Amino acid sequence: KYIVQGYGMTEISMASHLPDLKNPKIGSAGKTQSLTEMKVIDVETQKELGFREKGEILLRGPTVMLGYLNRPQATAETIDDDGWLHTGDIGFVEEDGALFIVDRLKELIKVKGLQVPPAELEDLLLSHPEIRDAAVIGIPDPNSGEVPKAFVVRANNDLTEQQIQEFVKERVAHYKQLKGGVEFVEEVPKSPAGKILRRFLRDREATKSKSKL
């Protein structure tokens, strides 16, 4: 037995992607359903990307909403002139059409203009045998704009920040390293559905910064 996932949102009325239940690809949200078009674009240039390149997922088709009720500006910001719905989700597509969701656009950490999905670093941290849970946010930095900071729940209290920094440094590009530091916490704030509440962590960081002024 296994768990599979699909992909959809209220604005498209139904699921835009569903997995092949007979031969599911682990980690994928599946392939586009009938009459649904999809493309992945660069967030900065708005140019369409190729296979395995991460960008914002756009959808188009007859199930896409006409717009938000009495909210013309919000509608214009979500659906462009060509009818593409900007989902706000970051992902990539493999050669066989399988879609992989990476993160939310608004959650991206921008380090000197380079985009760092916090979920990528969280997955890496969770692969460490002595880390029980983790969350990553971007914190302000005068030189880089933002830098990643990790909040870690240890499974072993002997685990140090230096060990975590080295673990990450060996596995990611320099701009994805935890230059904002590592803070050990008792738990990661989450919604009832299990979603990391990064805004709580950002608010806490903002409060700490103000207290230092």
Foldseek 3Di string as FASTA:
>chain_A
DDDAAADDDVQLVDTQAPADVVDGDPQFNHAGDPFKDKFFAAPPPRHTDDAPDKGWIKMAGDSGHPADPPCVVVRCVQADPVGIGGPQWIWGAHPVRTIHTQAGNVQWAFFQNDTDRQSVVQVLLCVDPFWDGKGWGWDQDPPGRTAIEMETETNDPVDDQVNVQVSVVVPDDPRNGRPVTYHYDNDFDADPVRHGPVVVVVVVVVVVVVVVD
